[in-house]
Protein backbone atom coordinates (compact mmCIF):
# COMPACT_ATOMS: atom_id res chain seq x y z
CA UNK A 1 24.75 8.98 -31.91
CA UNK A 2 26.16 5.82 -30.31
CA UNK A 3 28.01 6.81 -27.11
CA UNK A 4 29.94 4.81 -24.53
CA UNK A 5 30.47 6.56 -21.19
CA UNK A 6 33.18 5.33 -18.82
CA UNK A 7 33.44 6.29 -15.16
CA UNK A 8 32.39 5.57 -11.59
CA UNK A 9 28.81 5.16 -10.45
CA UNK A 10 27.01 3.52 -7.54
CA UNK A 11 28.10 1.64 -5.41
CA UNK A 12 31.07 4.04 -5.47
CA UNK A 13 30.65 7.32 -3.65
CA UNK A 14 31.63 10.93 -4.30
CA UNK A 15 31.13 13.79 -6.72
CA UNK A 16 32.64 12.13 -9.82
CA UNK A 17 30.34 9.14 -9.32
CA UNK A 18 27.31 11.40 -9.04
CA UNK A 19 28.47 13.40 -12.05
CA UNK A 20 28.89 10.47 -14.44
CA UNK A 21 25.61 8.92 -13.30
CA UNK A 22 23.65 12.10 -13.92
CA UNK A 23 25.40 12.63 -17.25
CA UNK A 24 24.40 9.08 -18.29
CA UNK A 25 20.81 9.80 -17.24
CA UNK A 26 20.69 12.83 -19.51
CA UNK A 27 22.69 11.39 -22.43
CA UNK A 28 20.49 8.33 -22.84
CA UNK A 29 17.41 10.52 -23.35
CA UNK A 30 18.89 11.68 -26.66
CA UNK A 31 21.44 9.05 -27.70
CA UNK A 32 22.09 5.32 -27.64
CA UNK A 33 24.33 5.29 -24.59
CA UNK A 34 26.21 2.48 -22.84
CA UNK A 35 27.72 3.04 -19.40
CA UNK A 36 30.88 1.06 -18.57
CA UNK A 37 31.85 1.39 -14.92
CA UNK A 38 34.19 -0.23 -12.41
CA UNK A 39 34.07 -3.50 -10.51
CA UNK A 40 36.87 -2.11 -8.34
CA UNK A 41 37.83 1.55 -8.16
CA UNK A 42 40.78 1.95 -5.76
CA UNK A 43 42.75 -0.54 -3.67
CA UNK A 44 41.95 0.24 -0.04
CA UNK A 45 45.56 1.09 0.82
CA UNK A 46 45.57 3.90 -1.77
CA UNK A 47 42.24 5.47 -0.81
CA UNK A 48 42.65 8.41 1.63
CA UNK A 49 39.17 8.10 3.10
CA UNK A 50 37.54 5.37 5.14
CA UNK A 51 35.97 3.62 2.14
CA UNK A 52 35.04 4.40 -1.46
CA UNK A 53 31.69 2.59 -1.13
CA UNK A 54 28.57 4.76 -0.88
CA UNK A 55 26.69 4.17 2.40
CA UNK A 56 23.54 5.97 1.20
CA UNK A 57 20.15 4.33 1.60
CA UNK A 58 18.86 6.60 -1.17
CA UNK A 59 21.18 5.91 -4.08
CA UNK A 60 21.81 7.96 -7.20
CA UNK A 61 21.98 5.15 -9.71
CA UNK A 62 20.84 4.02 -13.14
CA UNK A 63 20.02 0.58 -14.46
CA UNK A 64 22.01 -1.17 -17.17
CA UNK A 65 25.50 -0.16 -16.02
CA UNK A 66 28.27 -2.62 -17.00
CA UNK A 67 30.90 -2.95 -14.19
CA UNK A 68 33.66 -4.21 -16.49
CA UNK A 69 36.81 -2.41 -15.34
CA UNK A 70 38.93 -3.56 -12.41
CA UNK A 71 41.49 -0.83 -11.79
CA UNK A 72 44.12 -3.43 -10.87
CA UNK A 73 43.48 -5.96 -13.67
CA UNK A 74 44.85 -4.94 -17.10
CA UNK A 75 42.88 -7.70 -18.85
CA UNK A 76 39.67 -5.86 -17.94
CA UNK A 77 41.02 -2.64 -19.45
CA UNK A 78 41.64 -4.45 -22.73
CA UNK A 79 38.20 -6.09 -22.64
CA UNK A 80 36.55 -2.70 -22.14
CA UNK A 81 38.43 -1.29 -25.14
CA UNK A 82 37.46 -4.28 -27.28
CA UNK A 83 33.80 -3.77 -26.38
CA UNK A 84 34.02 -0.16 -27.57
CA UNK A 85 35.59 -1.37 -30.83
CA UNK A 86 32.98 -4.13 -31.32
CA UNK A 87 30.08 -1.77 -30.62
CA UNK A 88 31.38 0.70 -33.22
CA UNK A 89 30.63 3.63 -30.96
CA UNK A 90 30.72 7.12 -32.43
CA UNK A 91 32.06 8.60 -29.21
CA UNK A 92 33.59 7.36 -25.97
CA UNK A 93 33.57 9.72 -22.97
CA UNK A 94 36.10 9.36 -20.15
CA UNK A 95 36.45 11.45 -16.98
CA UNK A 96 39.84 12.74 -15.92
CA UNK A 97 40.47 13.73 -12.32
CA UNK A 98 43.48 11.89 -10.84
CA UNK A 99 46.59 10.36 -12.39
CA UNK A 100 45.87 7.00 -10.73
CA UNK A 101 43.80 6.31 -13.85
CA UNK A 102 46.62 7.03 -16.29
CA UNK A 103 47.51 3.41 -17.20
CA UNK A 104 43.91 2.24 -17.42
CA UNK A 105 42.66 5.09 -19.58
CA UNK A 106 45.80 5.20 -21.73
CA UNK A 107 45.43 1.50 -22.59
CA UNK A 108 41.72 1.91 -23.38
CA UNK A 109 42.19 5.06 -25.47
CA UNK A 110 45.21 3.73 -27.37
CA UNK A 111 43.42 0.51 -28.34
CA UNK A 112 40.30 2.40 -29.37
CA UNK A 113 42.36 4.79 -31.49
CA UNK A 114 44.24 1.93 -33.14
CA UNK A 115 41.34 -0.43 -33.90
CA UNK A 116 38.37 1.89 -34.52
CA UNK A 117 37.21 5.25 -35.79
CA UNK A 118 35.58 6.08 -32.45
CA UNK A 119 36.33 9.58 -31.22
CA UNK A 120 37.45 10.13 -27.62
CA UNK A 121 36.23 12.92 -25.34
CA UNK A 122 37.86 13.59 -21.98
CA UNK A 123 35.83 15.55 -19.42
CA UNK A 124 38.53 17.07 -17.22
CA UNK A 125 37.22 17.63 -13.70
CA UNK A 126 40.75 18.43 -12.58
CA UNK A 127 43.29 18.88 -15.32
CA UNK A 128 45.95 18.16 -12.74
CA UNK A 129 44.80 16.87 -9.39
CA UNK A 130 44.89 19.03 -6.28
CA UNK A 131 48.12 18.85 -4.28
CA UNK A 132 49.79 17.31 -7.35
CA UNK A 133 53.42 16.35 -8.01
CA UNK A 134 55.46 16.84 -11.17
CA UNK A 135 54.84 13.25 -12.24
CA UNK A 136 51.08 13.90 -12.23
CA UNK A 137 51.49 16.57 -14.91
CA UNK A 138 53.58 14.24 -17.07
CA UNK A 139 51.01 11.45 -16.77
CA UNK A 140 48.15 13.84 -17.51
CA UNK A 141 49.72 15.02 -20.75
CA UNK A 142 50.63 11.45 -21.70
CA UNK A 143 47.02 10.27 -21.37
CA UNK A 144 45.16 13.31 -22.68
CA UNK A 145 47.15 13.29 -25.92
CA UNK A 146 45.10 10.21 -26.84
CA UNK A 147 41.90 12.29 -26.84
CA UNK A 148 40.16 14.05 -29.72
CA UNK A 149 38.01 16.47 -27.72
CA UNK A 150 38.07 17.95 -24.23
CA UNK A 151 35.60 19.61 -21.87
CA UNK A 152 36.82 21.62 -18.88
CA UNK A 153 34.95 23.60 -16.25
CA UNK A 154 37.14 26.71 -16.00
CA UNK A 155 38.93 29.14 -18.29
CA UNK A 156 42.08 28.50 -16.26
CA UNK A 157 41.93 24.78 -17.07
CA UNK A 158 41.35 25.57 -20.74
CA UNK A 159 44.51 27.67 -20.86
CA UNK A 160 46.49 24.99 -19.04
CA UNK A 161 45.21 22.30 -21.39
CA UNK A 162 46.15 24.32 -24.47
CA UNK A 163 49.62 24.89 -23.09
CA UNK A 164 49.89 21.16 -22.49
CA UNK A 165 48.36 20.13 -25.84
CA UNK A 166 48.57 23.06 -28.31
CA UNK A 167 45.65 23.17 -30.74
CA UNK A 168 43.45 20.88 -28.63
CA UNK A 169 39.73 20.92 -29.42
CA UNK A 170 38.46 22.09 -26.05
CA UNK A 171 35.25 23.62 -24.72
CA UNK A 172 34.65 25.28 -21.37
CA UNK A 173 31.24 24.83 -19.80
CA UNK A 174 29.78 25.10 -16.33
CA UNK A 175 29.73 22.21 -13.91
CA UNK A 176 26.00 21.31 -13.91
CA UNK A 177 23.86 21.79 -10.83
CA UNK A 178 23.11 18.93 -8.47
CA UNK A 179 19.36 19.13 -7.93
CA UNK A 180 18.94 15.44 -7.12
CA UNK A 181 19.62 15.46 -3.37
CA UNK A 182 15.95 15.94 -2.54
CA UNK A 183 15.90 13.09 -0.05
CA UNK A 184 15.30 13.41 3.66
CA UNK A 185 13.79 16.22 5.76
CA UNK A 186 13.87 19.81 4.56
CA UNK A 187 12.95 21.34 7.93
CA UNK A 188 16.03 23.30 9.08
CA UNK A 189 15.07 22.79 12.72
CA UNK A 190 15.95 19.06 12.46
CA UNK A 191 19.70 19.71 12.16
CA UNK A 192 19.63 22.95 14.17
CA UNK A 193 18.17 21.15 17.20
CA UNK A 194 20.35 18.05 16.79
CA UNK A 195 23.58 20.07 16.80
CA UNK A 196 22.38 23.02 18.92
CA UNK A 197 23.11 25.54 16.17
CA UNK A 198 22.77 29.12 17.38
CA UNK A 199 22.21 32.29 15.37
CA UNK A 200 23.06 32.44 11.67
CA UNK A 201 24.45 29.19 10.29
CA UNK A 202 27.45 29.06 7.94
CA UNK A 203 28.05 25.72 6.21
CA UNK A 204 31.39 24.35 5.05
CA UNK A 205 30.57 21.12 3.22
CA UNK A 206 32.60 18.35 1.58
CA UNK A 207 35.84 16.43 2.04
CA UNK A 208 38.22 18.47 4.20
CA UNK A 209 41.50 18.79 2.33
CA UNK A 210 44.25 21.40 2.50
CA UNK A 211 43.33 23.09 -0.79
CA UNK A 212 39.78 23.78 0.39
CA UNK A 213 41.01 26.46 2.79
CA UNK A 214 38.98 25.65 5.90
CA UNK A 215 41.72 27.15 8.09
CA UNK A 216 41.04 30.63 6.64
CA UNK A 217 37.35 30.36 7.47
CA UNK A 218 38.22 29.40 11.04
CA UNK A 219 40.67 32.33 11.23
CA UNK A 220 37.90 34.67 9.98
CA UNK A 221 35.43 33.53 12.61
CA UNK A 222 36.57 35.70 15.58
CA UNK A 223 35.96 38.88 13.54
CA UNK A 224 32.50 37.67 12.57
CA UNK A 225 31.59 36.64 16.10
CA UNK A 226 32.62 40.06 17.44
CA UNK A 227 29.74 41.56 15.42
CA UNK A 228 27.02 38.91 15.02
CA UNK A 229 26.01 35.51 16.38
CA UNK A 230 26.88 32.67 14.01
CA UNK A 231 27.64 28.97 14.07
CA UNK A 232 30.08 27.40 11.66
CA UNK A 233 28.89 23.92 10.66
CA UNK A 234 31.72 21.86 9.16
CA UNK A 235 30.34 18.74 7.49
CA UNK A 236 32.59 16.27 5.68
CA UNK A 237 35.17 13.57 6.03
CA UNK A 238 38.64 14.78 6.96
CA UNK A 239 41.34 13.68 4.50
CA UNK A 240 44.43 14.58 6.47
CA UNK A 241 45.26 15.90 9.91
CA UNK A 242 41.97 16.67 11.65
CA UNK A 243 43.73 17.61 14.88
CA UNK A 244 45.37 20.69 13.38
CA UNK A 245 41.93 22.13 12.63
CA UNK A 246 40.71 21.32 16.13
CA UNK A 247 43.81 23.00 17.57
CA UNK A 248 43.18 26.09 15.44
CA UNK A 249 39.56 26.23 16.61
CA UNK A 250 40.78 26.12 20.20
CA UNK A 251 43.56 28.66 19.62
CA UNK A 252 41.07 31.10 18.09
CA UNK A 253 38.72 30.56 21.05
CA UNK A 254 35.75 29.73 18.82
CA UNK A 255 34.99 26.22 20.08
CA UNK A 256 31.48 27.20 21.19
CA UNK A 257 30.69 28.48 17.67
CA UNK A 258 31.95 25.52 15.61
CA UNK A 259 30.23 22.19 15.09
CA UNK A 260 32.21 19.47 13.29
CA UNK A 261 30.50 16.49 11.65
CA UNK A 262 33.40 14.31 10.51
CA UNK A 263 31.85 11.82 8.10
CA UNK A 264 30.92 11.18 4.50
CA UNK A 265 27.33 12.38 4.25
CA UNK A 266 24.90 9.89 2.66
CA UNK A 267 22.55 11.27 0.04
CA UNK A 268 19.48 11.23 2.28
CA UNK A 269 21.17 13.57 4.81
CA UNK A 270 22.56 16.18 2.43
CA UNK A 271 19.33 18.12 2.14
CA UNK A 272 18.98 18.55 5.90
CA UNK A 273 22.43 20.14 6.31
CA UNK A 274 21.89 22.61 3.45
CA UNK A 275 18.39 23.40 4.70
CA UNK A 276 19.83 24.30 8.10
CA UNK A 277 22.36 26.72 6.57
CA UNK A 278 21.83 30.38 5.81
CA UNK A 279 25.05 30.65 3.83
CA UNK A 280 27.57 28.25 2.26
CA UNK A 281 31.25 29.25 2.38
CA UNK A 282 33.93 27.64 0.18
CA UNK A 283 37.29 29.37 0.89
CA UNK A 284 39.32 27.32 -1.60
CA UNK A 285 43.02 27.95 -2.11
CA UNK A 286 42.77 26.38 -5.58
CA UNK A 287 39.89 24.94 -7.59
CA UNK A 288 38.60 23.96 -11.01
CA UNK A 289 34.88 23.32 -10.74
CA UNK A 290 32.96 22.78 -7.52
CA UNK A 291 30.24 20.23 -7.01
CA UNK A 292 29.60 21.71 -3.56
CA UNK A 293 28.72 25.10 -5.00
CA UNK A 294 26.40 23.47 -7.53
CA UNK A 295 24.81 21.49 -4.72
CA UNK A 296 24.30 24.74 -2.80
CA UNK A 297 22.69 26.35 -5.83
CA UNK A 298 20.50 23.26 -6.21
CA UNK A 299 19.13 24.12 -2.76
CA UNK A 300 18.98 27.88 -3.56
CA UNK A 301 21.71 28.70 -1.05
CA UNK A 302 23.98 31.74 -1.54
CA UNK A 303 27.72 31.06 -1.56
CA UNK A 304 30.80 33.01 -0.53
CA UNK A 305 33.86 31.64 -2.30
CA UNK A 306 37.33 32.64 -3.38
CA UNK A 307 38.51 33.98 -6.73
CA UNK A 308 40.11 30.76 -7.95
CA UNK A 309 39.43 28.36 -10.82
CA UNK A 310 35.90 28.48 -12.22
CA UNK A 311 34.35 29.90 -9.05
CA UNK A 312 34.27 33.52 -10.33
CA UNK A 313 32.57 32.22 -13.49
CA UNK A 314 29.84 30.47 -11.48
CA UNK A 315 29.17 32.93 -8.66
CA UNK A 316 27.97 36.39 -9.66
CA UNK A 317 29.62 38.66 -7.13
CA UNK A 318 26.98 40.67 -5.31
CA UNK A 319 24.11 38.77 -6.95
CA UNK A 320 24.30 35.06 -6.04
CA UNK A 321 27.07 35.36 -3.45
CA UNK A 322 30.35 37.11 -2.83
CA UNK A 323 33.88 36.50 -4.10
CA UNK A 324 36.96 37.19 -2.00
CA UNK A 325 40.71 36.69 -2.47
CA UNK A 326 42.07 33.29 -1.34
CA UNK A 327 44.04 32.99 1.91
CA UNK A 328 42.50 36.23 3.24
CA UNK A 329 40.56 35.78 6.52
CA UNK A 330 39.90 39.54 6.84
CA UNK A 331 38.17 39.83 3.45
CA UNK A 332 36.29 36.61 4.11
CA UNK A 333 35.03 37.91 7.45
CA UNK A 334 33.89 41.19 5.88
CA UNK A 335 31.95 39.34 3.15
CA UNK A 336 30.17 37.18 5.73
CA UNK A 337 29.29 40.22 7.82
CA UNK A 338 28.06 42.12 4.79
CA UNK A 339 25.77 39.23 3.77
CA UNK A 340 24.05 39.09 7.14
CA UNK A 341 24.09 42.82 7.98
CA UNK A 342 22.58 43.81 4.63
CA UNK A 343 20.12 40.87 4.75
CA UNK A 344 21.05 39.67 1.27
CA UNK A 345 19.56 36.19 1.60
CA UNK A 346 16.22 36.71 -0.17
CA UNK A 347 17.75 38.79 -2.98
CA UNK A 348 20.49 36.25 -3.65
CA UNK A 349 18.08 33.30 -3.54
CA UNK A 350 15.89 34.92 -6.18
CA UNK A 351 18.91 35.56 -8.37
CA UNK A 352 20.07 31.94 -8.01
CA UNK A 353 16.68 30.69 -9.20
CA UNK A 354 16.88 32.94 -12.27
CA UNK A 355 20.34 31.64 -13.18
CA UNK A 356 19.83 27.89 -12.79
CA UNK A 357 19.20 27.31 -16.50
CA UNK A 358 22.88 28.09 -17.14
CA UNK A 359 23.90 25.00 -15.17
CA UNK A 360 21.62 22.33 -16.63
CA UNK A 361 22.68 18.82 -17.69
CA UNK A 362 20.94 19.47 -21.02
CA UNK A 363 23.45 22.27 -21.64
CA UNK A 364 26.30 19.84 -20.96
CA UNK A 365 24.89 17.34 -23.47
CA UNK A 366 24.49 20.12 -26.05
CA UNK A 367 28.19 21.00 -25.66
CA UNK A 368 29.14 17.35 -26.21
CA UNK A 369 26.98 17.21 -29.32
CA UNK A 370 28.47 20.41 -30.71
CA UNK A 371 32.01 19.04 -30.43
CA UNK A 372 31.12 16.02 -32.56
CA UNK A 373 29.05 18.01 -35.07
CA UNK A 374 31.81 20.59 -35.51
CA UNK A 375 34.38 17.83 -36.00
CA UNK A 376 32.39 16.27 -38.83
CA UNK A 377 31.67 19.67 -40.37
CA UNK A 378 35.39 20.56 -40.36
CA UNK A 379 36.24 17.17 -41.83
CA UNK A 380 33.72 17.61 -44.67
CA UNK A 381 35.01 21.10 -45.39
CA UNK A 382 38.55 19.77 -45.66
CA UNK A 383 37.40 17.11 -48.11
CA UNK A 384 35.73 19.76 -50.29
CA UNK A 385 38.88 21.91 -50.26
CA UNK A 386 41.02 18.92 -51.21
CA UNK A 387 38.90 18.12 -54.27
């Protein structure tokens, strides 16, 4: 099958960039695959972080990527669409995660639909972006209606997509595991000594945004500390008001038990932070998939998370971690205490290793293949019935 994949890759940073790069790596083992990426992703004034450029010395990248699309230059959107048409691709794959990309992807998809027989697959990381506005939902529906197939990472997103586009050809599959961050030291003492981490270590990892629920983990900490010694290690760039979290830490009188590393973590440092942790906690208020959880599983780390989005589909409650209600510091504290009191670490790690086949990139590629095969099978069946 001739496939064209569109999306971010190195030198751009973040989970979507890693995702599309790893998908390209796996797709090209089985199919003739071209990767069209961006020469410019976001204008600096629109990007909420410090930069969208990856600072990593150890890059996750693939050769042969074509950086054709400038997000602010419509001529490049047209040129990318014309390349898809000229190459006579069987399938073009686009990611969907924020409505910023609505004009670019709508132009590309509309031209491809009009001038070729190429089918269009949208992989929806977020059907509607976190902390969205009403206009985001309108733009999402406007763009996704140009697609032929859809992949989502949660049953909730599948239902929302079908309500948005009734009859859509959609598949739900797990967000694959990130097992590629095997750079840097794996000795947990490296980070423990550097940050003076005491007792059991709980890791909150990733961009700090309101929907990720860090405040509820901080509010749970006094109950945990009253029973056991722990350190909460918060690692990630703050997108928003950092001071309100620092004030909450002070108000809860847990300053001595919280270490904050406010930065985007380069690839070569990720392993050391996860190695230092005994437990990863993701107290999301809302979610679809979670690259952080799949990174944790890639390092065989148990996870406590909330019952939102796809998280209950990924974490087996009582086997690979625990699930708690969102916005509930009491339940979160009890789950953390139970994990350490009952010494669940070894049991959960063994269970994570047994389940990793469910989250492979090969499974993702198989789902993509099945969508195309089923489309052609249905089309042939309709032809037979019409005769």
